[in-house]
Structure formats: C-alpha cells, structure tokens
Amino acid sequence: RLLSSFTGSCDSDLLKFNQLKFRKK
C-alpha cells in the first residue's frame, strides 16, 4: 500500500528495487 502511494511522486523502479532487496522472492 505504501509502495503504491509513493509511485505518483517518486521513482517507482527504485522503490521496488529496494523492496526486492528487503524481501527476496
């Protein structure tokens, strides 16, 4: 939910990449 709320004003790819590092599949 927080990720989707940031995508409008921030670089969504960077946020997703940080999330990937936080919790790997």
mmCIF file of all heavy atoms, coordinates in Angstrom:
data_MODEL
# 
_entry.id   MODEL 
# 
loop_
_atom_site.group_PDB 
_atom_site.id 
_atom_site.type_symbol 
_atom_site.label_atom_id 
_atom_site.label_alt_id 
_atom_site.label_comp_id 
_atom_site.label_asym_id 
_atom_site.label_entity_id 
_atom_site.label_seq_id 
_atom_site.pdbx_PDB_ins_code 
_atom_site.Cartn_x 
_atom_site.Cartn_y 
_atom_site.Cartn_z 
_atom_site.occupancy 
_atom_site.B_iso_or_equiv 
_atom_site.pdbx_formal_charge 
_atom_site.auth_seq_id 
_atom_site.auth_comp_id 
_atom_site.auth_asym_id 
_atom_site.auth_atom_id 
_atom_site.pdbx_PDB_model_num 
ATOM 1   N N   . ARG A 1 1  ? 0.833  -1.202  0.000   1.00 0.00 ? 1  ARG A N   1 
ATOM 2   C CA  . ARG A 1 1  ? 0.000  0.000   0.000   1.00 0.00 ? 1  ARG A CA  1 
ATOM 3   C C   . ARG A 1 1  ? 0.869  1.254   0.000   1.00 0.00 ? 1  ARG A C   1 
ATOM 4   O O   . ARG A 1 1  ? 0.620  2.199   -0.755  1.00 0.00 ? 1  ARG A O   1 
ATOM 5   C CB  . ARG A 1 1  ? -0.917 0.014   1.230   1.00 0.00 ? 1  ARG A CB  1 
ATOM 6   C CG  . ARG A 1 1  ? -1.923 1.158   1.232   1.00 0.00 ? 1  ARG A CG  1 
ATOM 7   C CD  . ARG A 1 1  ? -2.646 1.226   2.557   1.00 0.00 ? 1  ARG A CD  1 
ATOM 8   N NE  . ARG A 1 1  ? -1.750 1.597   3.628   1.00 0.00 ? 1  ARG A NE  1 
ATOM 9   C CZ  . ARG A 1 1  ? -1.353 2.865   3.866   1.00 0.00 ? 1  ARG A CZ  1 
ATOM 10  N NH1 . ARG A 1 1  ? -1.755 3.848   3.068   1.00 0.00 ? 1  ARG A NH1 1 
ATOM 11  N NH2 . ARG A 1 1  ? -0.533 3.135   4.863   1.00 0.00 ? 1  ARG A NH2 1 
ATOM 12  N N   . LEU A 1 2  ? 1.927  1.254   0.839   1.00 0.00 ? 2  LEU A N   1 
ATOM 13  C CA  . LEU A 1 2  ? 2.827  2.409   0.877   1.00 0.00 ? 2  LEU A CA  1 
ATOM 14  C C   . LEU A 1 2  ? 3.563  2.564   -0.450  1.00 0.00 ? 2  LEU A C   1 
ATOM 15  O O   . LEU A 1 2  ? 3.777  3.676   -0.925  1.00 0.00 ? 2  LEU A O   1 
ATOM 16  C CB  . LEU A 1 2  ? 3.835  2.230   2.020   1.00 0.00 ? 2  LEU A CB  1 
ATOM 17  C CG  . LEU A 1 2  ? 3.269  2.344   3.435   1.00 0.00 ? 2  LEU A CG  1 
ATOM 18  C CD1 . LEU A 1 2  ? 4.339  2.005   4.462   1.00 0.00 ? 2  LEU A CD1 1 
ATOM 19  C CD2 . LEU A 1 2  ? 2.722  3.739   3.700   1.00 0.00 ? 2  LEU A CD2 1 
ATOM 20  N N   . LEU A 1 3  ? 3.951  1.426   -1.045  1.00 0.00 ? 3  LEU A N   1 
ATOM 21  C CA  . LEU A 1 3  ? 4.656  1.480   -2.326  1.00 0.00 ? 3  LEU A CA  1 
ATOM 22  C C   . LEU A 1 3  ? 3.791  2.110   -3.401  1.00 0.00 ? 3  LEU A C   1 
ATOM 23  O O   . LEU A 1 3  ? 4.241  2.960   -4.162  1.00 0.00 ? 3  LEU A O   1 
ATOM 24  C CB  . LEU A 1 3  ? 5.071  0.070   -2.733  1.00 0.00 ? 3  LEU A CB  1 
ATOM 25  C CG  . LEU A 1 3  ? 5.820  -0.059  -4.063  1.00 0.00 ? 3  LEU A CG  1 
ATOM 26  C CD1 . LEU A 1 3  ? 7.132  0.698   -4.006  1.00 0.00 ? 3  LEU A CD1 1 
ATOM 27  C CD2 . LEU A 1 3  ? 6.061  -1.523  -4.402  1.00 0.00 ? 3  LEU A CD2 1 
ATOM 28  N N   . SER A 1 4  ? 2.516  1.710   -3.452  1.00 0.00 ? 4  SER A N   1 
ATOM 29  C CA  . SER A 1 4  ? 1.617  2.254   -4.470  1.00 0.00 ? 4  SER A CA  1 
ATOM 30  C C   . SER A 1 4  ? 1.332  3.733   -4.241  1.00 0.00 ? 4  SER A C   1 
ATOM 31  O O   . SER A 1 4  ? 1.116  4.490   -5.180  1.00 0.00 ? 4  SER A O   1 
ATOM 32  C CB  . SER A 1 4  ? 0.301  1.470   -4.473  1.00 0.00 ? 4  SER A CB  1 
ATOM 33  O OG  . SER A 1 4  ? -0.352 1.590   -3.226  1.00 0.00 ? 4  SER A OG  1 
ATOM 34  N N   . SER A 1 5  ? 1.348  4.174   -2.977  1.00 0.00 ? 5  SER A N   1 
ATOM 35  C CA  . SER A 1 5  ? 1.084  5.584   -2.686  1.00 0.00 ? 5  SER A CA  1 
ATOM 36  C C   . SER A 1 5  ? 2.260  6.472   -3.062  1.00 0.00 ? 5  SER A C   1 
ATOM 37  O O   . SER A 1 5  ? 2.092  7.663   -3.299  1.00 0.00 ? 5  SER A O   1 
ATOM 38  C CB  . SER A 1 5  ? 0.763  5.755   -1.191  1.00 0.00 ? 5  SER A CB  1 
ATOM 39  O OG  . SER A 1 5  ? 1.886  5.449   -0.407  1.00 0.00 ? 5  SER A OG  1 
ATOM 40  N N   . PHE A 1 6  ? 3.482  5.877   -3.124  1.00 0.00 ? 6  PHE A N   1 
ATOM 41  C CA  . PHE A 1 6  ? 4.666  6.664   -3.471  1.00 0.00 ? 6  PHE A CA  1 
ATOM 42  C C   . PHE A 1 6  ? 4.908  6.756   -4.965  1.00 0.00 ? 6  PHE A C   1 
ATOM 43  O O   . PHE A 1 6  ? 5.646  7.614   -5.421  1.00 0.00 ? 6  PHE A O   1 
ATOM 44  C CB  . PHE A 1 6  ? 5.918  6.060   -2.821  1.00 0.00 ? 6  PHE A CB  1 
ATOM 45  C CG  . PHE A 1 6  ? 6.068  6.424   -1.371  1.00 0.00 ? 6  PHE A CG  1 
ATOM 46  C CD1 . PHE A 1 6  ? 6.268  5.424   -0.426  1.00 0.00 ? 6  PHE A CD1 1 
ATOM 47  C CD2 . PHE A 1 6  ? 6.003  7.733   -0.952  1.00 0.00 ? 6  PHE A CD2 1 
ATOM 48  C CE1 . PHE A 1 6  ? 6.400  5.746   0.908   1.00 0.00 ? 6  PHE A CE1 1 
ATOM 49  C CE2 . PHE A 1 6  ? 6.144  8.054   0.386   1.00 0.00 ? 6  PHE A CE2 1 
ATOM 50  C CZ  . PHE A 1 6  ? 6.338  7.055   1.326   1.00 0.00 ? 6  PHE A CZ  1 
ATOM 51  N N   . THR A 1 7  ? 4.321  5.844   -5.743  1.00 0.00 ? 7  THR A N   1 
ATOM 52  C CA  . THR A 1 7  ? 4.659  5.774   -7.170  1.00 0.00 ? 7  THR A CA  1 
ATOM 53  C C   . THR A 1 7  ? 4.312  7.049   -7.924  1.00 0.00 ? 7  THR A C   1 
ATOM 54  O O   . THR A 1 7  ? 4.896  7.326   -8.965  1.00 0.00 ? 7  THR A O   1 
ATOM 55  C CB  . THR A 1 7  ? 3.922  4.590   -7.828  1.00 0.00 ? 7  THR A CB  1 
ATOM 56  O OG1 . THR A 1 7  ? 2.521  4.694   -7.532  1.00 0.00 ? 7  THR A OG1 1 
ATOM 57  C CG2 . THR A 1 7  ? 4.454  3.271   -7.314  1.00 0.00 ? 7  THR A CG2 1 
ATOM 58  N N   . GLY A 1 8  ? 3.371  7.848   -7.416  1.00 0.00 ? 8  GLY A N   1 
ATOM 59  C CA  . GLY A 1 8  ? 2.979  9.056   -8.121  1.00 0.00 ? 8  GLY A CA  1 
ATOM 60  C C   . GLY A 1 8  ? 4.016  10.147  -8.048  1.00 0.00 ? 8  GLY A C   1 
ATOM 61  O O   . GLY A 1 8  ? 4.148  10.957  -8.961  1.00 0.00 ? 8  GLY A O   1 
ATOM 62  N N   . SER A 1 9  ? 4.815  10.174  -6.955  1.00 0.00 ? 9  SER A N   1 
ATOM 63  C CA  . SER A 1 9  ? 5.754  11.274  -6.765  1.00 0.00 ? 9  SER A CA  1 
ATOM 64  C C   . SER A 1 9  ? 7.203  10.842  -6.739  1.00 0.00 ? 9  SER A C   1 
ATOM 65  O O   . SER A 1 9  ? 8.087  11.682  -6.735  1.00 0.00 ? 9  SER A O   1 
ATOM 66  C CB  . SER A 1 9  ? 5.440  12.002  -5.444  1.00 0.00 ? 9  SER A CB  1 
ATOM 67  O OG  . SER A 1 9  ? 5.501  11.093  -4.364  1.00 0.00 ? 9  SER A OG  1 
ATOM 68  N N   . CYS A 1 10 ? 7.474  9.519   -6.695  1.00 0.00 ? 10 CYS A N   1 
ATOM 69  C CA  . CYS A 1 10 ? 8.851  9.046   -6.601  1.00 0.00 ? 10 CYS A CA  1 
ATOM 70  C C   . CYS A 1 10 ? 9.143  8.076   -7.728  1.00 0.00 ? 10 CYS A C   1 
ATOM 71  O O   . CYS A 1 10 ? 8.270  7.706   -8.502  1.00 0.00 ? 10 CYS A O   1 
ATOM 72  C CB  . CYS A 1 10 ? 9.089  8.360   -5.247  1.00 0.00 ? 10 CYS A CB  1 
ATOM 73  S SG  . CYS A 1 10 ? 8.782  9.433   -3.831  1.00 0.00 ? 10 CYS A SG  1 
ATOM 74  N N   . ASP A 1 11 ? 10.400 7.655   -7.820  1.00 0.00 ? 11 ASP A N   1 
ATOM 75  C CA  . ASP A 1 11 ? 10.817 6.684   -8.818  1.00 0.00 ? 11 ASP A CA  1 
ATOM 76  C C   . ASP A 1 11 ? 10.362 5.299   -8.363  1.00 0.00 ? 11 ASP A C   1 
ATOM 77  O O   . ASP A 1 11 ? 10.928 4.710   -7.457  1.00 0.00 ? 11 ASP A O   1 
ATOM 78  C CB  . ASP A 1 11 ? 12.351 6.723   -8.956  1.00 0.00 ? 11 ASP A CB  1 
ATOM 79  C CG  . ASP A 1 11 ? 12.826 5.869   -10.112 1.00 0.00 ? 11 ASP A CG  1 
ATOM 80  O OD1 . ASP A 1 11 ? 12.005 5.102   -10.650 1.00 0.00 ? 11 ASP A OD1 1 
ATOM 81  O OD2 . ASP A 1 11 ? 14.007 5.987   -10.460 1.00 0.00 ? 11 ASP A OD2 1 
ATOM 82  N N   . SER A 1 12 ? 9.319  4.777   -9.014  1.00 0.00 ? 12 SER A N   1 
ATOM 83  C CA  . SER A 1 12 ? 8.739  3.507   -8.575  1.00 0.00 ? 12 SER A CA  1 
ATOM 84  C C   . SER A 1 12 ? 9.730  2.362   -8.755  1.00 0.00 ? 12 SER A C   1 
ATOM 85  O O   . SER A 1 12 ? 9.745  1.420   -7.966  1.00 0.00 ? 12 SER A O   1 
ATOM 86  C CB  . SER A 1 12 ? 7.455  3.215   -9.350  1.00 0.00 ? 12 SER A CB  1 
ATOM 87  O OG  . SER A 1 12 ? 7.725  3.139   -10.734 1.00 0.00 ? 12 SER A OG  1 
ATOM 88  N N   . ASP A 1 13 ? 10.560 2.392   -9.803  1.00 0.00 ? 13 ASP A N   1 
ATOM 89  C CA  . ASP A 1 13 ? 11.530 1.327   -10.013 1.00 0.00 ? 13 ASP A CA  1 
ATOM 90  C C   . ASP A 1 13 ? 12.512 1.242   -8.853  1.00 0.00 ? 13 ASP A C   1 
ATOM 91  O O   . ASP A 1 13 ? 12.872 0.163   -8.396  1.00 0.00 ? 13 ASP A O   1 
ATOM 92  C CB  . ASP A 1 13 ? 12.298 1.553   -11.316 1.00 0.00 ? 13 ASP A CB  1 
ATOM 93  C CG  . ASP A 1 13 ? 11.445 1.249   -12.539 1.00 0.00 ? 13 ASP A CG  1 
ATOM 94  O OD1 . ASP A 1 13 ? 10.481 0.476   -12.386 1.00 0.00 ? 13 ASP A OD1 1 
ATOM 95  O OD2 . ASP A 1 13 ? 11.718 1.807   -13.609 1.00 0.00 ? 13 ASP A OD2 1 
ATOM 96  N N   . LEU A 1 14 ? 12.958 2.408   -8.373  1.00 0.00 ? 14 LEU A N   1 
ATOM 97  C CA  . LEU A 1 14 ? 13.896 2.434   -7.262  1.00 0.00 ? 14 LEU A CA  1 
ATOM 98  C C   . LEU A 1 14 ? 13.248 1.882   -6.000  1.00 0.00 ? 14 LEU A C   1 
ATOM 99  O O   . LEU A 1 14 ? 13.848 1.106   -5.258  1.00 0.00 ? 14 LEU A O   1 
ATOM 100 C CB  . LEU A 1 14 ? 14.392 3.863   -7.013  1.00 0.00 ? 14 LEU A CB  1 
ATOM 101 C CG  . LEU A 1 14 ? 15.350 4.062   -5.830  1.00 0.00 ? 14 LEU A CG  1 
ATOM 102 C CD1 . LEU A 1 14 ? 16.584 3.188   -6.004  1.00 0.00 ? 14 LEU A CD1 1 
ATOM 103 C CD2 . LEU A 1 14 ? 15.739 5.517   -5.696  1.00 0.00 ? 14 LEU A CD2 1 
ATOM 104 N N   . LEU A 1 15 ? 12.001 2.265   -5.752  1.00 0.00 ? 15 LEU A N   1 
ATOM 105 C CA  . LEU A 1 15 ? 11.292 1.764   -4.572  1.00 0.00 ? 15 LEU A CA  1 
ATOM 106 C C   . LEU A 1 15 ? 11.111 0.257   -4.651  1.00 0.00 ? 15 LEU A C   1 
ATOM 107 O O   . LEU A 1 15 ? 11.304 -0.463  -3.668  1.00 0.00 ? 15 LEU A O   1 
ATOM 108 C CB  . LEU A 1 15 ? 9.930  2.457   -4.445  1.00 0.00 ? 15 LEU A CB  1 
ATOM 109 C CG  . LEU A 1 15 ? 9.966  3.933   -4.041  1.00 0.00 ? 15 LEU A CG  1 
ATOM 110 C CD1 . LEU A 1 15 ? 8.584  4.546   -4.163  1.00 0.00 ? 15 LEU A CD1 1 
ATOM 111 C CD2 . LEU A 1 15 ? 10.486 4.089   -2.619  1.00 0.00 ? 15 LEU A CD2 1 
ATOM 112 N N   . LYS A 1 16 ? 10.736 -0.231  -5.833  1.00 0.00 ? 16 LYS A N   1 
ATOM 113 C CA  . LYS A 1 16 ? 10.555 -1.668  -5.993  1.00 0.00 ? 16 LYS A CA  1 
ATOM 114 C C   . LYS A 1 16 ? 11.879 -2.405  -5.826  1.00 0.00 ? 16 LYS A C   1 
ATOM 115 O O   . LYS A 1 16 ? 11.923 -3.497  -5.267  1.00 0.00 ? 16 LYS A O   1 
ATOM 116 C CB  . LYS A 1 16 ? 9.958  -1.973  -7.367  1.00 0.00 ? 16 LYS A CB  1 
ATOM 117 C CG  . LYS A 1 16 ? 8.500  -1.586  -7.510  1.00 0.00 ? 16 LYS A CG  1 
ATOM 118 C CD  . LYS A 1 16 ? 7.996  -1.952  -8.890  1.00 0.00 ? 16 LYS A CD  1 
ATOM 119 C CE  . LYS A 1 16 ? 6.532  -1.571  -9.067  1.00 0.00 ? 16 LYS A CE  1 
ATOM 120 N NZ  . LYS A 1 16 ? 6.049  -1.918  -10.425 1.00 0.00 ? 16 LYS A NZ  1 
ATOM 121 N N   . PHE A 1 17 ? 12.964 -1.815  -6.335  1.00 0.00 ? 17 PHE A N   1 
ATOM 122 C CA  . PHE A 1 17 ? 14.269 -2.457  -6.216  1.00 0.00 ? 17 PHE A CA  1 
ATOM 123 C C   . PHE A 1 17 ? 14.671 -2.575  -4.753  1.00 0.00 ? 17 PHE A C   1 
ATOM 124 O O   . PHE A 1 17 ? 15.174 -3.606  -4.310  1.00 0.00 ? 17 PHE A O   1 
ATOM 125 C CB  . PHE A 1 17 ? 15.323 -1.652  -6.985  1.00 0.00 ? 17 PHE A CB  1 
ATOM 126 C CG  . PHE A 1 17 ? 16.670 -2.322  -7.027  1.00 0.00 ? 17 PHE A CG  1 
ATOM 127 C CD1 . PHE A 1 17 ? 16.916 -3.344  -7.939  1.00 0.00 ? 17 PHE A CD1 1 
ATOM 128 C CD2 . PHE A 1 17 ? 17.672 -1.928  -6.168  1.00 0.00 ? 17 PHE A CD2 1 
ATOM 129 C CE1 . PHE A 1 17 ? 18.148 -3.964  -7.980  1.00 0.00 ? 17 PHE A CE1 1 
ATOM 130 C CE2 . PHE A 1 17 ? 18.909 -2.545  -6.209  1.00 0.00 ? 17 PHE A CE2 1 
ATOM 131 C CZ  . PHE A 1 17 ? 19.144 -3.564  -7.119  1.00 0.00 ? 17 PHE A CZ  1 
ATOM 132 N N   . ASN A 1 18 ? 14.429 -1.514  -3.975  1.00 0.00 ? 18 ASN A N   1 
ATOM 133 C CA  . ASN A 1 18 ? 14.727 -1.564  -2.545  1.00 0.00 ? 18 ASN A CA  1 
ATOM 134 C C   . ASN A 1 18 ? 13.865 -2.613  -1.841  1.00 0.00 ? 18 ASN A C   1 
ATOM 135 O O   . ASN A 1 18 ? 14.317 -3.289  -0.920  1.00 0.00 ? 18 ASN A O   1 
ATOM 136 C CB  . ASN A 1 18 ? 14.510 -0.192  -1.908  1.00 0.00 ? 18 ASN A CB  1 
ATOM 137 C CG  . ASN A 1 18 ? 15.549 0.811   -2.372  1.00 0.00 ? 18 ASN A CG  1 
ATOM 138 O OD1 . ASN A 1 18 ? 16.645 0.438   -2.767  1.00 0.00 ? 18 ASN A OD1 1 
ATOM 139 N ND2 . ASN A 1 18 ? 15.203 2.081   -2.348  1.00 0.00 ? 18 ASN A ND2 1 
ATOM 140 N N   . GLN A 1 19 ? 12.610 -2.731  -2.286  1.00 0.00 ? 19 GLN A N   1 
ATOM 141 C CA  . GLN A 1 19 ? 11.736 -3.743  -1.699  1.00 0.00 ? 19 GLN A CA  1 
ATOM 142 C C   . GLN A 1 19 ? 12.233 -5.138  -2.038  1.00 0.00 ? 19 GLN A C   1 
ATOM 143 O O   . GLN A 1 19 ? 12.165 -6.057  -1.219  1.00 0.00 ? 19 GLN A O   1 
ATOM 144 C CB  . GLN A 1 19 ? 10.306 -3.557  -2.210  1.00 0.00 ? 19 GLN A CB  1 
ATOM 145 C CG  . GLN A 1 19 ? 9.293  -4.469  -1.494  1.00 0.00 ? 19 GLN A CG  1 
ATOM 146 C CD  . GLN A 1 19 ? 7.923  -4.394  -2.121  1.00 0.00 ? 19 GLN A CD  1 
ATOM 147 O OE1 . GLN A 1 19 ? 7.802  -4.464  -3.337  1.00 0.00 ? 19 GLN A OE1 1 
ATOM 148 N NE2 . GLN A 1 19 ? 6.899  -4.252  -1.314  1.00 0.00 ? 19 GLN A NE2 1 
ATOM 149 N N   . LEU A 1 20 ? 12.751 -5.328  -3.265  1.00 0.00 ? 20 LEU A N   1 
ATOM 150 C CA  . LEU A 1 20 ? 13.291 -6.618  -3.659  1.00 0.00 ? 20 LEU A CA  1 
ATOM 151 C C   . LEU A 1 20 ? 14.452 -7.009  -2.757  1.00 0.00 ? 20 LEU A C   1 
ATOM 152 O O   . LEU A 1 20 ? 14.573 -8.165  -2.340  1.00 0.00 ? 20 LEU A O   1 
ATOM 153 C CB  . LEU A 1 20 ? 13.753 -6.564  -5.123  1.00 0.00 ? 20 LEU A CB  1 
ATOM 154 C CG  . LEU A 1 20 ? 14.497 -7.792  -5.651  1.00 0.00 ? 20 LEU A CG  1 
ATOM 155 C CD1 . LEU A 1 20 ? 13.552 -8.984  -5.735  1.00 0.00 ? 20 LEU A CD1 1 
ATOM 156 C CD2 . LEU A 1 20 ? 15.102 -7.524  -7.011  1.00 0.00 ? 20 LEU A CD2 1 
ATOM 157 N N   . LYS A 1 21 ? 15.325 -6.036  -2.424  1.00 0.00 ? 21 LYS A N   1 
ATOM 158 C CA  . LYS A 1 21 ? 16.448 -6.320  -1.546  1.00 0.00 ? 21 LYS A CA  1 
ATOM 159 C C   . LYS A 1 21 ? 15.976 -6.623  -0.134  1.00 0.00 ? 21 LYS A C   1 
ATOM 160 O O   . LYS A 1 21 ? 16.577 -7.404  0.592   1.00 0.00 ? 21 LYS A O   1 
ATOM 161 C CB  . LYS A 1 21 ? 17.417 -5.128  -1.529  1.00 0.00 ? 21 LYS A CB  1 
ATOM 162 C CG  . LYS A 1 21 ? 18.115 -4.878  -2.855  1.00 0.00 ? 21 LYS A CG  1 
ATOM 163 C CD  . LYS A 1 21 ? 18.953 -6.057  -3.273  1.00 0.00 ? 21 LYS A CD  1 
ATOM 164 C CE  . LYS A 1 21 ? 19.687 -5.794  -4.571  1.00 0.00 ? 21 LYS A CE  1 
ATOM 165 N NZ  . LYS A 1 21 ? 20.473 -6.963  -5.019  1.00 0.00 ? 21 LYS A NZ  1 
ATOM 166 N N   . PHE A 1 22 ? 14.856 -5.981  0.257   1.00 0.00 ? 22 PHE A N   1 
ATOM 167 C CA  . PHE A 1 22 ? 14.340 -6.172  1.614   1.00 0.00 ? 22 PHE A CA  1 
ATOM 168 C C   . PHE A 1 22 ? 13.744 -7.571  1.783   1.00 0.00 ? 22 PHE A C   1 
ATOM 169 O O   . PHE A 1 22 ? 13.973 -8.232  2.782   1.00 0.00 ? 22 PHE A O   1 
ATOM 170 C CB  . PHE A 1 22 ? 13.272 -5.113  1.916   1.00 0.00 ? 22 PHE A CB  1 
ATOM 171 C CG  . PHE A 1 22 ? 12.615 -5.293  3.253   1.00 0.00 ? 22 PHE A CG  1 
ATOM 172 C CD1 . PHE A 1 22 ? 13.299 -5.019  4.421   1.00 0.00 ? 22 PHE A CD1 1 
ATOM 173 C CD2 . PHE A 1 22 ? 11.308 -5.744  3.341   1.00 0.00 ? 22 PHE A CD2 1 
ATOM 174 C CE1 . PHE A 1 22 ? 12.700 -5.188  5.648   1.00 0.00 ? 22 PHE A CE1 1 
ATOM 175 C CE2 . PHE A 1 22 ? 10.697 -5.910  4.567   1.00 0.00 ? 22 PHE A CE2 1 
ATOM 176 C CZ  . PHE A 1 22 ? 11.386 -5.629  5.724   1.00 0.00 ? 22 PHE A CZ  1 
ATOM 177 N N   . ARG A 1 23 ? 12.992 -8.038  0.784   1.00 0.00 ? 23 ARG A N   1 
ATOM 178 C CA  . ARG A 1 23 ? 12.388 -9.366  0.878   1.00 0.00 ? 23 ARG A CA  1 
ATOM 179 C C   . ARG A 1 23 ? 12.505 -10.061 -0.472  1.00 0.00 ? 23 ARG A C   1 
ATOM 180 O O   . ARG A 1 23 ? 11.713 -9.839  -1.372  1.00 0.00 ? 23 ARG A O   1 
ATOM 181 C CB  . ARG A 1 23 ? 10.922 -9.285  1.293   1.00 0.00 ? 23 ARG A CB  1 
ATOM 182 C CG  . ARG A 1 23 ? 10.357 -10.620 1.762   1.00 0.00 ? 23 ARG A CG  1 
ATOM 183 C CD  . ARG A 1 23 ? 8.865  -10.563 1.944   1.00 0.00 ? 23 ARG A CD  1 
ATOM 184 N NE  . ARG A 1 23 ? 8.151  -10.585 0.685   1.00 0.00 ? 23 ARG A NE  1 
ATOM 185 C CZ  . ARG A 1 23 ? 7.880  -11.698 -0.005  1.00 0.00 ? 23 ARG A CZ  1 
ATOM 186 N NH1 . ARG A 1 23 ? 8.281  -12.855 0.453   1.00 0.00 ? 23 ARG A NH1 1 
ATOM 187 N NH2 . ARG A 1 23 ? 7.214  -11.649 -1.134  1.00 0.00 ? 23 ARG A NH2 1 
ATOM 188 N N   . LYS A 1 24 ? 13.516 -10.913 -0.608  1.00 0.00 ? 24 LYS A N   1 
ATOM 189 C CA  . LYS A 1 24 ? 13.752 -11.597 -1.867  1.00 0.00 ? 24 LYS A CA  1 
ATOM 190 C C   . LYS A 1 24 ? 12.694 -12.684 -2.078  1.00 0.00 ? 24 LYS A C   1 
ATOM 191 O O   . LYS A 1 24 ? 12.216 -13.307 -1.146  1.00 0.00 ? 24 LYS A O   1 
ATOM 192 C CB  . LYS A 1 24 ? 15.148 -12.222 -1.875  1.00 0.00 ? 24 LYS A CB  1 
ATOM 193 C CG  . LYS A 1 24 ? 16.274 -11.196 -1.856  1.00 0.00 ? 24 LYS A CG  1 
ATOM 194 C CD  . LYS A 1 24 ? 17.618 -11.880 -1.920  1.00 0.00 ? 24 LYS A CD  1 
ATOM 195 C CE  . LYS A 1 24 ? 18.745 -10.851 -1.929  1.00 0.00 ? 24 LYS A CE  1 
ATOM 196 N NZ  . LYS A 1 24 ? 20.075 -11.495 -1.971  1.00 0.00 ? 24 LYS A NZ  1 
ATOM 197 N N   . LYS A 1 25 ? 12.365 -12.906 -3.344  1.00 0.00 ? 25 LYS A N   1 
ATOM 198 C CA  . LYS A 1 25 ? 11.428 -13.957 -3.687  1.00 0.00 ? 25 LYS A CA  1 
ATOM 199 C C   . LYS A 1 25 ? 12.085 -15.333 -3.457  1.00 0.00 ? 25 LYS A C   1 
ATOM 200 O O   . LYS A 1 25 ? 13.289 -15.495 -3.634  1.00 0.00 ? 25 LYS A O   1 
ATOM 201 C CB  . LYS A 1 25 ? 11.007 -13.824 -5.150  1.00 0.00 ? 25 LYS A CB  1 
ATOM 202 C CG  . LYS A 1 25 ? 10.241 -12.549 -5.461  1.00 0.00 ? 25 LYS A CG  1 
ATOM 203 C CD  . LYS A 1 25 ? 8.877  -12.537 -4.795  1.00 0.00 ? 25 LYS A CD  1 
ATOM 204 C CE  . LYS A 1 25 ? 8.047  -11.350 -5.251  1.00 0.00 ? 25 LYS A CE  1 
ATOM 205 N NZ  . LYS A 1 25 ? 8.638  -10.064 -4.905  1.00 0.00 ? 25 LYS A NZ  1 
# 
